[in-house]
Amino acid sequence: MPRTAVKEKKAFPAKLALMEARVALAEGRRQVYGSQLSSDPKAGGLYVRPLEDPDHVDERRAALGLGTMAGYLQHWNLAWDVEAYKKQLTSLETSMSIIIQ
């Protein structure tokens, strides 16, 4: 129903992305659009919570009507470096005790 509402311009794409990300992460899956961030108490900064197929996140975001990851992360003064993110992904999942199904 929420996806239909977005398609019919009755709901905001960003709200759908946030909702889907929260559900996926709560179920132990990776988020799809990269909308959920967390703070790292050790490093003292924000990071993107585990993300499915980071190489194609901008394509998925565009299909939903969202801007790029880089543009989204500018709101928090973060830079998007997909290669660096992919290197960190396993440790992010381990530290968050997320089991990807």
C-alpha atoms as a PDB file:
ATOM      1  CA  MET A   1       0.000   0.000   0.000  1.00  0.00           C
ATOM      2  CA  PRO A   2       2.738   2.555   0.826  1.00  0.00           C
ATOM      3  CA  ARG A   3       4.479   1.900  -2.524  1.00  0.00           C
ATOM      4  CA  THR A   4       1.200   2.535  -4.360  1.00  0.00           C
ATOM      5  CA  ALA A   5       0.723   5.771  -2.438  1.00  0.00           C
ATOM      6  CA  VAL A   6       4.186   6.949  -3.525  1.00  0.00           C
ATOM      7  CA  LYS A   7       3.472   6.046  -7.155  1.00  0.00           C
ATOM      8  CA  GLU A   8       0.195   7.959  -6.997  1.00  0.00           C
ATOM      9  CA  LYS A   9       2.004  10.950  -5.432  1.00  0.00           C
ATOM     10  CA  LYS A  10      -0.030  10.594  -2.239  1.00  0.00           C
ATOM     11  CA  ALA A  11       3.013   9.887  -0.068  1.00  0.00           C
ATOM     12  CA  PHE A  12       6.616  11.053   0.019  1.00  0.00           C
ATOM     13  CA  PRO A  13       9.309   8.698  -1.319  1.00  0.00           C
ATOM     14  CA  ALA A  14      11.609   9.579   1.590  1.00  0.00           C
ATOM     15  CA  LYS A  15       9.004   8.393   4.111  1.00  0.00           C
ATOM     16  CA  LEU A  16       8.709   5.060   2.287  1.00  0.00           C
ATOM     17  CA  ALA A  17      12.505   4.657   2.216  1.00  0.00           C
ATOM     18  CA  LEU A  18      12.741   5.365   5.949  1.00  0.00           C
ATOM     19  CA  MET A  19       9.949   2.939   6.798  1.00  0.00           C
ATOM     20  CA  GLU A  20      11.320   0.134   4.623  1.00  0.00           C
ATOM     21  CA  ALA A  21      14.820   0.637   6.053  1.00  0.00           C
ATOM     22  CA  ARG A  22      13.618   0.477   9.643  1.00  0.00           C
ATOM     23  CA  VAL A  23      11.688  -2.721   8.974  1.00  0.00           C
ATOM     24  CA  ALA A  24      14.568  -4.370   7.101  1.00  0.00           C
ATOM     25  CA  LEU A  25      17.119  -3.532   9.780  1.00  0.00           C
ATOM     26  CA  ALA A  26      14.774  -4.659  12.561  1.00  0.00           C
ATOM     27  CA  GLU A  27      14.389  -7.978  10.738  1.00  0.00           C
ATOM     28  CA  GLY A  28      18.165  -8.369  10.431  1.00  0.00           C
ATOM     29  CA  ARG A  29      18.338  -7.453   6.752  1.00  0.00           C
ATOM     30  CA  ARG A  30      20.229  -4.687   4.987  1.00  0.00           C
ATOM     31  CA  GLN A  31      18.427  -1.497   4.051  1.00  0.00           C
ATOM     32  CA  VAL A  32      17.828  -0.744   0.367  1.00  0.00           C
ATOM     33  CA  TYR A  33      17.960   3.062   0.041  1.00  0.00           C
ATOM     34  CA  GLY A  34      20.570   4.031   2.636  1.00  0.00           C
ATOM     35  CA  SER A  35      18.242   6.261   4.613  1.00  0.00           C
ATOM     36  CA  GLN A  36      19.184   4.994   8.079  1.00  0.00           C
ATOM     37  CA  LEU A  37      22.286   6.279   9.825  1.00  0.00           C
ATOM     38  CA  SER A  38      23.669   5.512  13.266  1.00  0.00           C
ATOM     39  CA  SER A  39      26.294   7.069  15.445  1.00  0.00           C
ATOM     40  CA  ASP A  40      29.511   5.262  16.234  1.00  0.00           C
ATOM     41  CA  PRO A  41      30.329   5.812  19.917  1.00  0.00           C
ATOM     42  CA  LYS A  42      33.959   4.770  19.386  1.00  0.00           C
ATOM     43  CA  ALA A  43      34.667   6.979  16.379  1.00  0.00           C
ATOM     44  CA  GLY A  44      32.206   9.678  17.404  1.00  0.00           C
ATOM     45  CA  GLY A  45      30.640  10.066  13.965  1.00  0.00           C
ATOM     46  CA  LEU A  46      27.717   8.920  11.884  1.00  0.00           C
ATOM     47  CA  TYR A  47      27.717   6.036   9.433  1.00  0.00           C
ATOM     48  CA  VAL A  48      25.275   4.454   6.992  1.00  0.00           C
ATOM     49  CA  ARG A  49      23.759   1.339   8.516  1.00  0.00           C
ATOM     50  CA  PRO A  50      24.181  -1.897   6.504  1.00  0.00           C
ATOM     51  CA  LEU A  51      23.133  -1.340   2.916  1.00  0.00           C
ATOM     52  CA  GLU A  52      22.196  -3.857   0.245  1.00  0.00           C
ATOM     53  CA  ASP A  53      24.280  -3.672  -2.951  1.00  0.00           C
ATOM     54  CA  PRO A  54      25.969  -0.306  -2.299  1.00  0.00           C
ATOM     55  CA  ASP A  55      27.184  -0.092  -5.906  1.00  0.00           C
ATOM     56  CA  HIS A  56      23.622   0.397  -7.154  1.00  0.00           C
ATOM     57  CA  VAL A  57      22.053   2.410  -4.345  1.00  0.00           C
ATOM     58  CA  ASP A  58      21.802   5.573  -6.453  1.00  0.00           C
ATOM     59  CA  GLU A  59      19.876   3.670  -9.140  1.00  0.00           C
ATOM     60  CA  ARG A  60      17.378   2.408  -6.558  1.00  0.00           C
ATOM     61  CA  ARG A  61      17.106   5.847  -4.997  1.00  0.00           C
ATOM     62  CA  ALA A  62      16.476   7.450  -8.412  1.00  0.00           C
ATOM     63  CA  ALA A  63      13.796   4.874  -9.250  1.00  0.00           C
ATOM     64  CA  LEU A  64      11.957   5.851  -6.057  1.00  0.00           C
ATOM     65  CA  GLY A  65      12.369   9.573  -6.713  1.00  0.00           C
ATOM     66  CA  LEU A  66      15.149  10.236  -4.212  1.00  0.00           C
ATOM     67  CA  GLY A  67      18.414  12.102  -4.733  1.00  0.00           C
ATOM     68  CA  THR A  68      21.843  10.492  -4.667  1.00  0.00           C
ATOM     69  CA  MET A  69      23.505   9.014  -1.603  1.00  0.00           C
ATOM     70  CA  ALA A  70      26.164  11.721  -1.792  1.00  0.00           C
ATOM     71  CA  GLY A  71      23.502  14.430  -1.777  1.00  0.00           C
ATOM     72  CA  TYR A  72      21.577  12.800   1.059  1.00  0.00           C
ATOM     73  CA  LEU A  73      24.684  12.458   3.226  1.00  0.00           C
ATOM     74  CA  GLN A  74      25.670  16.104   2.713  1.00  0.00           C
ATOM     75  CA  HIS A  75      22.909  16.968   5.204  1.00  0.00           C
ATOM     76  CA  TRP A  76      25.151  15.439   7.883  1.00  0.00           C
ATOM     77  CA  ASN A  77      28.444  16.666   6.410  1.00  0.00           C
ATOM     78  CA  LEU A  78      29.326  13.115   5.377  1.00  0.00           C
ATOM     79  CA  ALA A  79      30.960  12.040   2.132  1.00  0.00           C
ATOM     80  CA  TRP A  80      29.823   8.964   0.215  1.00  0.00           C
ATOM     81  CA  ASP A  81      32.696   6.715  -0.806  1.00  0.00           C
ATOM     82  CA  VAL A  82      31.181   3.440  -1.977  1.00  0.00           C
ATOM     83  CA  GLU A  83      34.497   1.582  -2.069  1.00  0.00           C
ATOM     84  CA  ALA A  84      35.373   2.576   1.502  1.00  0.00           C
ATOM     85  CA  TYR A  85      31.838   1.700   2.611  1.00  0.00           C
ATOM     86  CA  LYS A  86      32.031  -1.778   1.090  1.00  0.00           C
ATOM     87  CA  LYS A  87      35.266  -2.406   2.982  1.00  0.00           C
ATOM     88  CA  GLN A  88      33.552  -1.432   6.251  1.00  0.00           C
ATOM     89  CA  LEU A  89      30.296  -3.299   5.636  1.00  0.00           C
ATOM     90  CA  THR A  90      31.278  -6.625   7.211  1.00  0.00           C
ATOM     91  CA  SER A  91      32.542  -4.951  10.364  1.00  0.00           C
ATOM     92  CA  LEU A  92      29.386  -2.815  10.545  1.00  0.00           C
ATOM     93  CA  GLU A  93      27.207  -5.901  10.395  1.00  0.00           C
ATOM     94  CA  THR A  94      29.345  -7.722  12.942  1.00  0.00           C
ATOM     95  CA  SER A  95      29.333  -4.817  15.373  1.00  0.00           C
ATOM     96  CA  MET A  96      25.561  -4.437  15.013  1.00  0.00           C
ATOM     97  CA  SER A  97      24.997  -8.204  15.315  1.00  0.00           C
ATOM     98  CA  ILE A  98      22.994  -8.172  12.106  1.00  0.00           C
ATOM     99  CA  ILE A  99      22.563 -11.448  10.326  1.00  0.00           C
ATOM    100  CA  ILE A 100      21.926 -10.908   6.648  1.00  0.00           C
ATOM    101  CA  GLN A 101      19.471 -13.377   5.219  1.00  0.00           C
END
